[in-house]
Amino acid sequence: MPIDRTYLETLSRRRKDTRAYHKHQALGAELGEILRDTKHTALYIKLALTFDETKLRSLAKRIAENTTVKNKGAYFMRVLYSEDTTKPKA
């Protein structure tokens, strides 16, 4: 029995929607979109639990605006852990 094409299209659309139920999940998804690195959304969700929301968002936006950076996700991680001012939340 062949699979209905509209069903596959519906599944494809649903997969792209975020299912964020908590604030840190929404922030992690947002960081992934800002950095164009949605493959590592789970990592960004974990960072959202650990670090300050405002600092993460501003750092991601600052890096996204930098056109010379090729791998924005990796650069984000490097800058995040190299800044002395950014400390995990207590």
PDB file of N, CA and C in Angstrom:
ATOM      1  N   MET A   1       0.841  -1.179   0.000  1.00  0.00           N
ATOM      2  CA  MET A   1       0.000   0.000   0.000  1.00  0.00           C
ATOM      3  C   MET A   1       0.885   1.241   0.000  1.00  0.00           C
ATOM      4  N   PRO A   2       0.741   2.137  -0.958  1.00  0.00           N
ATOM      5  CA  PRO A   2       1.577   3.342  -1.019  1.00  0.00           C
ATOM      6  C   PRO A   2       1.199   4.341   0.079  1.00  0.00           C
ATOM      7  N   ILE A   3       2.192   5.095   0.498  1.00  0.00           N
ATOM      8  CA  ILE A   3       1.977   6.115   1.530  1.00  0.00           C
ATOM      9  C   ILE A   3       1.442   7.381   0.879  1.00  0.00           C
ATOM     10  N   ASP A   4       0.451   7.963   1.499  1.00  0.00           N
ATOM     11  CA  ASP A   4      -0.176   9.177   0.995  1.00  0.00           C
ATOM     12  C   ASP A   4       0.823  10.332   1.019  1.00  0.00           C
ATOM     13  N   ARG A   5       0.944  11.036  -0.090  1.00  0.00           N
ATOM     14  CA  ARG A   5       1.913  12.135  -0.224  1.00  0.00           C
ATOM     15  C   ARG A   5       1.614  13.281   0.743  1.00  0.00           C
ATOM     16  N   THR A   6       0.336  13.578   0.954  1.00  0.00           N
ATOM     17  CA  THR A   6      -0.014  14.670   1.861  1.00  0.00           C
ATOM     18  C   THR A   6       0.375  14.334   3.295  1.00  0.00           C
ATOM     19  N   TYR A   7       0.305  13.059   3.650  1.00  0.00           N
ATOM     20  CA  TYR A   7       0.707  12.629   4.985  1.00  0.00           C
ATOM     21  C   TYR A   7       2.200  12.890   5.193  1.00  0.00           C
ATOM     22  N   LEU A   8       3.017  12.564   4.200  1.00  0.00           N
ATOM     23  CA  LEU A   8       4.458  12.808   4.294  1.00  0.00           C
ATOM     24  C   LEU A   8       4.765  14.303   4.369  1.00  0.00           C
ATOM     25  N   GLU A   9       4.022  15.089   3.627  1.00  0.00           N
ATOM     26  CA  GLU A   9       4.207  16.542   3.681  1.00  0.00           C
ATOM     27  C   GLU A   9       3.825  17.088   5.057  1.00  0.00           C
ATOM     28  N   THR A  10       2.769  16.555   5.646  1.00  0.00           N
ATOM     29  CA  THR A  10       2.345  16.973   6.987  1.00  0.00           C
ATOM     30  C   THR A  10       3.404  16.626   8.018  1.00  0.00           C
ATOM     31  N   LEU A  11       3.964  15.416   7.927  1.00  0.00           N
ATOM     32  CA  LEU A  11       5.033  15.020   8.845  1.00  0.00           C
ATOM     33  C   LEU A  11       6.259  15.920   8.683  1.00  0.00           C
ATOM     34  N   SER A  12       6.574  16.261   7.454  1.00  0.00           N
ATOM     35  CA  SER A  12       7.733  17.125   7.195  1.00  0.00           C
ATOM     36  C   SER A  12       7.537  18.503   7.817  1.00  0.00           C
ATOM     37  N   ARG A  13       6.327  19.043   7.700  1.00  0.00           N
ATOM     38  CA  ARG A  13       6.043  20.358   8.292  1.00  0.00           C
ATOM     39  C   ARG A  13       6.066  20.305   9.812  1.00  0.00           C
ATOM     40  N   ARG A  14       5.509  19.247  10.397  1.00  0.00           N
ATOM     41  CA  ARG A  14       5.469  19.121  11.851  1.00  0.00           C
ATOM     42  C   ARG A  14       6.859  18.987  12.444  1.00  0.00           C
ATOM     43  N   ARG A  15       7.756  18.358  11.725  1.00  0.00           N
ATOM     44  CA  ARG A  15       9.113  18.169  12.225  1.00  0.00           C
ATOM     45  C   ARG A  15       9.828  19.512  12.373  1.00  0.00           C
ATOM     46  N   LYS A  16       9.496  20.481  11.549  1.00  0.00           N
ATOM     47  CA  LYS A  16      10.154  21.791  11.592  1.00  0.00           C
ATOM     48  C   LYS A  16       9.634  22.668  12.717  1.00  0.00           C
ATOM     49  N   ASP A  17       8.439  22.397  13.209  1.00  0.00           N
ATOM     50  CA  ASP A  17       7.871  23.181  14.311  1.00  0.00           C
ATOM     51  C   ASP A  17       8.571  22.823  15.614  1.00  0.00           C
ATOM     52  N   THR A  18       8.816  23.832  16.430  1.00  0.00           N
ATOM     53  CA  THR A  18       9.420  23.554  17.728  1.00  0.00           C
ATOM     54  C   THR A  18       8.328  23.184  18.722  1.00  0.00           C
ATOM     55  N   ARG A  19       8.671  22.314  19.628  1.00  0.00           N
ATOM     56  CA  ARG A  19       7.744  21.905  20.680  1.00  0.00           C
ATOM     57  C   ARG A  19       8.354  22.294  22.019  1.00  0.00           C
ATOM     58  N   ALA A  20       8.500  23.572  22.218  1.00  0.00           N
ATOM     59  CA  ALA A  20       9.118  24.090  23.437  1.00  0.00           C
ATOM     60  C   ALA A  20       8.033  24.291  24.492  1.00  0.00           C
ATOM     61  N   TYR A  21       8.186  23.581  25.593  1.00  0.00           N
ATOM     62  CA  TYR A  21       7.216  23.685  26.675  1.00  0.00           C
ATOM     63  C   TYR A  21       7.734  24.535  27.834  1.00  0.00           C
ATOM     64  N   HIS A  22       9.036  24.771  27.870  1.00  0.00           N
ATOM     65  CA  HIS A  22       9.640  25.554  28.935  1.00  0.00           C
ATOM     66  C   HIS A  22      10.459  26.693  28.334  1.00  0.00           C
ATOM     67  N   LYS A  23      10.755  27.666  29.175  1.00  0.00           N
ATOM     68  CA  LYS A  23      11.471  28.855  28.724  1.00  0.00           C
ATOM     69  C   LYS A  23      12.856  28.507  28.180  1.00  0.00           C
ATOM     70  N   HIS A  24      13.575  27.607  28.856  1.00  0.00           N
ATOM     71  CA  HIS A  24      14.925  27.267  28.397  1.00  0.00           C
ATOM     72  C   HIS A  24      14.889  26.505  27.074  1.00  0.00           C
ATOM     73  N   GLN A  25      13.827  25.754  26.809  1.00  0.00           N
ATOM     74  CA  GLN A  25      13.706  25.067  25.531  1.00  0.00           C
ATOM     75  C   GLN A  25      13.483  26.060  24.399  1.00  0.00           C
ATOM     76  N   ALA A  26      12.664  27.054  24.645  1.00  0.00           N
ATOM     77  CA  ALA A  26      12.414  28.083  23.634  1.00  0.00           C
ATOM     78  C   ALA A  26      13.680  28.885  23.354  1.00  0.00           C
ATOM     79  N   LEU A  27      14.438  29.198  24.404  1.00  0.00           N
ATOM     80  CA  LEU A  27      15.680  29.935  24.228  1.00  0.00           C
ATOM     81  C   LEU A  27      16.689  29.104  23.446  1.00  0.00           C
ATOM     82  N   GLY A  28      16.795  27.822  23.749  1.00  0.00           N
ATOM     83  CA  GLY A  28      17.715  26.952  23.018  1.00  0.00           C
ATOM     84  C   GLY A  28      17.369  26.875  21.540  1.00  0.00           C
ATOM     85  N   ALA A  29      16.086  26.760  21.234  1.00  0.00           N
ATOM     86  CA  ALA A  29      15.650  26.739  19.836  1.00  0.00           C
ATOM     87  C   ALA A  29      15.944  28.074  19.157  1.00  0.00           C
ATOM     88  N   GLU A  30      15.742  29.151  19.880  1.00  0.00           N
ATOM     89  CA  GLU A  30      16.020  30.484  19.335  1.00  0.00           C
ATOM     90  C   GLU A  30      17.510  30.656  19.046  1.00  0.00           C
ATOM     91  N   LEU A  31      18.360  30.203  19.952  1.00  0.00           N
ATOM     92  CA  LEU A  31      19.802  30.299  19.734  1.00  0.00           C
ATOM     93  C   LEU A  31      20.223  29.494  18.509  1.00  0.00           C
ATOM     94  N   GLY A  32      19.651  28.309  18.354  1.00  0.00           N
ATOM     95  CA  GLY A  32      19.951  27.497  17.183  1.00  0.00           C
ATOM     96  C   GLY A  32      19.565  28.180  15.885  1.00  0.00           C
ATOM     97  N   GLU A  33      18.428  28.854  15.890  1.00  0.00           N
ATOM     98  CA  GLU A  33      17.990  29.573  14.695  1.00  0.00           C
ATOM     99  C   GLU A  33      18.852  30.803  14.436  1.00  0.00           C
ATOM    100  N   ILE A  34      19.190  31.535  15.480  1.00  0.00           N
ATOM    101  CA  ILE A  34      20.018  32.731  15.322  1.00  0.00           C
ATOM    102  C   ILE A  34      21.375  32.365  14.729  1.00  0.00           C
ATOM    103  N   LEU A  35      21.956  31.281  15.243  1.00  0.00           N
ATOM    104  CA  LEU A  35      23.286  30.863  14.799  1.00  0.00           C
ATOM    105  C   LEU A  35      23.240  29.972  13.562  1.00  0.00           C
ATOM    106  N   ARG A  36      22.039  29.684  13.076  1.00  0.00           N
ATOM    107  CA  ARG A  36      21.832  28.780  11.938  1.00  0.00           C
ATOM    108  C   ARG A  36      22.508  27.436  12.189  1.00  0.00           C
ATOM    109  N   ASP A  37      22.262  26.896  13.382  1.00  0.00           N
ATOM    110  CA  ASP A  37      22.852  25.642  13.819  1.00  0.00           C
ATOM    111  C   ASP A  37      21.794  24.829  14.563  1.00  0.00           C
ATOM    112  N   THR A  38      20.717  24.499  13.860  1.00  0.00           N
ATOM    113  CA  THR A  38      19.608  23.814  14.508  1.00  0.00           C
ATOM    114  C   THR A  38      19.920  22.356  14.839  1.00  0.00           C
ATOM    115  N   LYS A  39      21.001  21.832  14.317  1.00  0.00           N
ATOM    116  CA  LYS A  39      21.383  20.452  14.643  1.00  0.00           C
ATOM    117  C   LYS A  39      21.790  20.322  16.110  1.00  0.00           C
ATOM    118  N   HIS A  40      22.253  21.398  16.705  1.00  0.00           N
ATOM    119  CA  HIS A  40      22.750  21.374  18.075  1.00  0.00           C
ATOM    120  C   HIS A  40      21.811  22.086  19.048  1.00  0.00           C
ATOM    121  N   THR A  41      20.528  22.025  18.779  1.00  0.00           N
ATOM    122  CA  THR A  41      19.548  22.689  19.634  1.00  0.00           C
ATOM    123  C   THR A  41      19.590  22.153  21.063  1.00  0.00           C
ATOM    124  N   ALA A  42      19.808  20.862  21.231  1.00  0.00           N
ATOM    125  CA  ALA A  42      19.867  20.276  22.576  1.00  0.00           C
ATOM    126  C   ALA A  42      21.015  20.881  23.384  1.00  0.00           C
ATOM    127  N   LEU A  43      22.134  21.151  22.743  1.00  0.00           N
ATOM    128  CA  LEU A  43      23.262  21.790  23.412  1.00  0.00           C
ATOM    129  C   LEU A  43      22.889  23.197  23.861  1.00  0.00           C
ATOM    130  N   TYR A  44      22.211  23.928  23.004  1.00  0.00           N
ATOM    131  CA  TYR A  44      21.818  25.291  23.358  1.00  0.00           C
ATOM    132  C   TYR A  44      20.772  25.296  24.476  1.00  0.00           C
ATOM    133  N   ILE A  45      19.924  24.277  24.524  1.00  0.00           N
ATOM    134  CA  ILE A  45      18.961  24.168  25.620  1.00  0.00           C
ATOM    135  C   ILE A  45      19.702  23.953  26.935  1.00  0.00           C
ATOM    136  N   LYS A  46      20.719  23.113  26.917  1.00  0.00           N
ATOM    137  CA  LYS A  46      21.511  22.875  28.123  1.00  0.00           C
ATOM    138  C   LYS A  46      22.228  24.154  28.557  1.00  0.00           C
ATOM    139  N   LEU A  47      22.744  24.909  27.602  1.00  0.00           N
ATOM    140  CA  LEU A  47      23.398  26.176  27.933  1.00  0.00           C
ATOM    141  C   LEU A  47      22.400  27.163  28.522  1.00  0.00           C
ATOM    142  N   ALA A  48      21.156  27.132  28.026  1.00  0.00           N
ATOM    143  CA  ALA A  48      20.124  28.034  28.537  1.00  0.00           C
ATOM    144  C   ALA A  48      19.799  27.730  29.997  1.00  0.00           C
ATOM    145  N   LEU A  49      19.983  26.485  30.408  1.00  0.00           N
ATOM    146  CA  LEU A  49      19.788  26.136  31.815  1.00  0.00           C
ATOM    147  C   LEU A  49      20.942  26.626  32.673  1.00  0.00           C
ATOM    148  N   THR A  50      22.122  26.726  32.080  1.00  0.00           N
ATOM    149  CA  THR A  50      23.341  27.010  32.830  1.00  0.00           C
ATOM    150  C   THR A  50      23.697  28.491  32.865  1.00  0.00           C
ATOM    151  N   PHE A  51      23.545  29.173  31.741  1.00  0.00           N
ATOM    152  CA  PHE A  51      23.995  30.557  31.622  1.00  0.00           C
ATOM    153  C   PHE A  51      22.821  31.527  31.621  1.00  0.00           C
ATOM    154  N   ASP A  52      23.138  32.798  31.779  1.00  0.00           N
ATOM    155  CA  ASP A  52      22.148  33.864  31.796  1.00  0.00           C
ATOM    156  C   ASP A  52      21.540  34.045  30.406  1.00  0.00           C
ATOM    157  N   GLU A  53      20.231  34.156  30.362  1.00  0.00           N
ATOM    158  CA  GLU A  53      19.485  34.266  29.112  1.00  0.00           C
ATOM    159  C   GLU A  53      19.888  35.488  28.284  1.00  0.00           C
ATOM    160  N   THR A  54      20.018  36.611  28.935  1.00  0.00           N
ATOM    161  CA  THR A  54      20.344  37.848  28.233  1.00  0.00           C
ATOM    162  C   THR A  54      21.725  37.781  27.598  1.00  0.00           C
ATOM    163  N   LYS A  55      22.693  37.245  28.332  1.00  0.00           N
ATOM    164  CA  LYS A  55      24.055  37.151  27.808  1.00  0.00           C
ATOM    165  C   LYS A  55      24.127  36.189  26.635  1.00  0.00           C
ATOM    166  N   LEU A  56      23.432  35.070  26.723  1.00  0.00           N
ATOM    167  CA  LEU A  56      23.432  34.100  25.617  1.00  0.00           C
ATOM    168  C   LEU A  56      22.827  34.699  24.355  1.00  0.00           C
ATOM    169  N   ARG A  57      21.689  35.346  24.525  1.00  0.00           N
ATOM    170  CA  ARG A  57      21.002  35.912  23.368  1.00  0.00           C
ATOM    171  C   ARG A  57      21.821  37.033  22.726  1.00  0.00           C
ATOM    172  N   SER A  58      22.404  37.914  23.536  1.00  0.00           N
ATOM    173  CA  SER A  58      23.173  39.027  22.967  1.00  0.00           C
ATOM    174  C   SER A  58      24.443  38.527  22.290  1.00  0.00           C
ATOM    175  N   LEU A  59      25.094  37.521  22.883  1.00  0.00           N
ATOM    176  CA  LEU A  59      26.291  36.943  22.269  1.00  0.00           C
ATOM    177  C   LEU A  59      25.954  36.278  20.939  1.00  0.00           C
ATOM    178  N   ALA A  60      24.868  35.533  20.891  1.00  0.00           N
ATOM    179  CA  ALA A  60      24.461  34.864  19.657  1.00  0.00           C
ATOM    180  C   ALA A  60      24.138  35.877  18.560  1.00  0.00           C
ATOM    181  N   LYS A  61      23.451  36.944  18.910  1.00  0.00           N
ATOM    182  CA  LYS A  61      23.121  37.967  17.912  1.00  0.00           C
ATOM    183  C   LYS A  61      24.371  38.679  17.418  1.00  0.00           C
ATOM    184  N   ARG A  62      25.292  38.938  18.333  1.00  0.00           N
ATOM    185  CA  ARG A  62      26.545  39.595  17.944  1.00  0.00           C
ATOM    186  C   ARG A  62      27.347  38.712  16.986  1.00  0.00           C
ATOM    187  N   ILE A  63      27.383  37.422  17.231  1.00  0.00           N
ATOM    188  CA  ILE A  63      28.123  36.505  16.377  1.00  0.00           C
ATOM    189  C   ILE A  63      27.408  36.315  15.045  1.00  0.00           C
ATOM    190  N   ALA A  64      26.091  36.275  15.054  1.00  0.00           N
ATOM    191  CA  ALA A  64      25.323  36.104  13.819  1.00  0.00           C
ATOM    192  C   ALA A  64      25.525  37.277  12.864  1.00  0.00           C
ATOM    193  N   GLU A  65      25.748  38.455  13.405  1.00  0.00           N
ATOM    194  CA  GLU A  65      25.966  39.635  12.568  1.00  0.00           C
ATOM    195  C   GLU A  65      27.352  39.647  11.934  1.00  0.00           C
ATOM    196  N   ASN A  66      28.296  38.904  12.498  1.00  0.00           N
ATOM    197  CA  ASN A  66      29.666  38.857  11.999  1.00  0.00           C
ATOM    198  C   ASN A  66      29.711  37.970  10.753  1.00  0.00           C
ATOM    199  N   THR A  67      29.923  38.570   9.597  1.00  0.00           N
ATOM    200  CA  THR A  67      29.891  37.823   8.340  1.00  0.00           C
ATOM    201  C   THR A  67      31.177  37.052   8.062  1.00  0.00           C
ATOM    202  N   THR A  68      32.235  37.319   8.796  1.00  0.00           N
ATOM    203  CA  THR A  68      33.491  36.620   8.545  1.00  0.00           C
ATOM    204  C   THR A  68      33.551  35.247   9.208  1.00  0.00           C
ATOM    205  N   VAL A  69      32.657  34.970  10.122  1.00  0.00           N
ATOM    206  CA  VAL A  69      32.649  33.692  10.838  1.00  0.00           C
ATOM    207  C   VAL A  69      31.920  32.648   9.992  1.00  0.00           C
ATOM    208  N   LYS A  70      32.591  31.538   9.720  1.00  0.00           N
ATOM    209  CA  LYS A  70      31.982  30.477   8.910  1.00  0.00           C
ATOM    210  C   LYS A  70      31.141  29.542   9.761  1.00  0.00           C
ATOM    211  N   ASN A  71      31.680  29.080  10.874  1.00  0.00           N
ATOM    212  CA  ASN A  71      30.962  28.163  11.756  1.00  0.00           C
ATOM    213  C   ASN A  71      30.543  28.931  13.008  1.00  0.00           C
ATOM    214  N   LYS A  72      29.371  29.518  12.933  1.00  0.00           N
ATOM    215  CA  LYS A  72      28.911  30.406  14.004  1.00  0.00           C
ATOM    216  C   LYS A  72      28.668  29.661  15.319  1.00  0.00           C
ATOM    217  N   GLY A  73      28.219  28.414  15.252  1.00  0.00           N
ATOM    218  CA  GLY A  73      27.978  27.636  16.465  1.00  0.00           C
ATOM    219  C   GLY A  73      29.258  27.359  17.230  1.00  0.00           C
ATOM    220  N   ALA A  74      30.300  26.952  16.518  1.00  0.00           N
ATOM    221  CA  ALA A  74      31.581  26.664  17.162  1.00  0.00           C
ATOM    222  C   ALA A  74      32.200  27.942  17.722  1.00  0.00           C
ATOM    223  N   TYR A  75      32.089  29.019  16.977  1.00  0.00           N
ATOM    224  CA  TYR A  75      32.635  30.289  17.442  1.00  0.00           C
ATOM    225  C   TYR A  75      31.887  30.785  18.676  1.00  0.00           C
ATOM    226  N   PHE A  76      30.571  30.569  18.683  1.00  0.00           N
ATOM    227  CA  PHE A  76      29.753  30.930  19.839  1.00  0.00           C
ATOM    228  C   PHE A  76      30.237  30.212  21.089  1.00  0.00           C
ATOM    229  N   MET A  77      30.485  28.917  20.976  1.00  0.00           N
ATOM    230  CA  MET A  77      30.952  28.134  22.124  1.00  0.00           C
ATOM    231  C   MET A  77      32.312  28.622  22.595  1.00  0.00           C
ATOM    232  N   ARG A  78      33.195  28.921  21.664  1.00  0.00           N
ATOM    233  CA  ARG A  78      34.533  29.374  22.029  1.00  0.00           C
ATOM    234  C   ARG A  78      34.481  30.708  22.767  1.00  0.00           C
ATOM    235  N   VAL A  79      33.714  31.634  22.240  1.00  0.00           N
ATOM    236  CA  VAL A  79      33.603  32.954  22.874  1.00  0.00           C
ATOM    237  C   VAL A  79      32.897  32.848  24.219  1.00  0.00           C
ATOM    238  N   LEU A  80      31.875  32.018  24.285  1.00  0.00           N
ATOM    239  CA  LEU A  80      31.123  31.857  25.527  1.00  0.00           C
ATOM    240  C   LEU A  80      32.009  31.380  26.668  1.00  0.00           C
ATOM    241  N   TYR A  81      32.851  30.416  26.406  1.00  0.00           N
ATOM    242  CA  TYR A  81      33.690  29.871  27.469  1.00  0.00           C
ATOM    243  C   TYR A  81      35.001  30.621  27.645  1.00  0.00           C
ATOM    244  N   SER A  82      35.338  31.536  26.741  1.00  0.00           N
ATOM    245  CA  SER A  82      36.577  32.300  26.905  1.00  0.00           C
ATOM    246  C   SER A  82      36.359  33.644  27.583  1.00  0.00           C
ATOM    247  N   GLU A  83      35.123  34.143  27.568  1.00  0.00           N
ATOM    248  CA  GLU A  83      34.842  35.421  28.218  1.00  0.00           C
ATOM    249  C   GLU A  83      34.914  35.266  29.734  1.00  0.00           C
ATOM    250  N   ASP A  84      35.629  36.155  30.369  1.00  0.00           N
ATOM    251  CA  ASP A  84      35.745  36.112  31.827  1.00  0.00           C
ATOM    252  C   ASP A  84      34.471  36.596  32.508  1.00  0.00           C
ATOM    253  N   THR A  85      33.695  37.429  31.816  1.00  0.00           N
ATOM    254  CA  THR A  85      32.504  37.996  32.424  1.00  0.00           C
ATOM    255  C   THR A  85      31.334  37.026  32.443  1.00  0.00           C
ATOM    256  N   THR A  86      31.371  36.013  31.572  1.00  0.00           N
ATOM    257  CA  THR A  86      30.266  35.075  31.495  1.00  0.00           C
ATOM    258  C   THR A  86      30.533  33.891  32.399  1.00  0.00           C
ATOM    259  N   LYS A  87      29.775  33.785  33.444  1.00  0.00           N
ATOM    260  CA  LYS A  87      29.890  32.678  34.398  1.00  0.00           C
ATOM    261  C   LYS A  87      28.560  31.947  34.438  1.00  0.00           C
ATOM    262  N   PRO A  88      28.590  30.654  34.700  1.00  0.00           N
ATOM    263  CA  PRO A  88      27.323  29.921  34.829  1.00  0.00           C
ATOM    264  C   PRO A  88      26.493  30.476  35.982  1.00  0.00           C
ATOM    265  N   LYS A  89      25.160  30.321  35.879  1.00  0.00           N
ATOM    266  CA  LYS A  89      24.262  30.742  36.947  1.00  0.00           C
ATOM    267  C   LYS A  89      24.475  29.849  38.155  1.00  0.00           C
ATOM    268  N   ALA A  90      24.285  30.397  39.321  1.00  0.00           N
ATOM    269  CA  ALA A  90      24.439  29.602  40.551  1.00  0.00           C
ATOM    270  C   ALA A  90      23.208  28.811  40.853  1.00  0.00           C
TER     271      ALA A  90
END
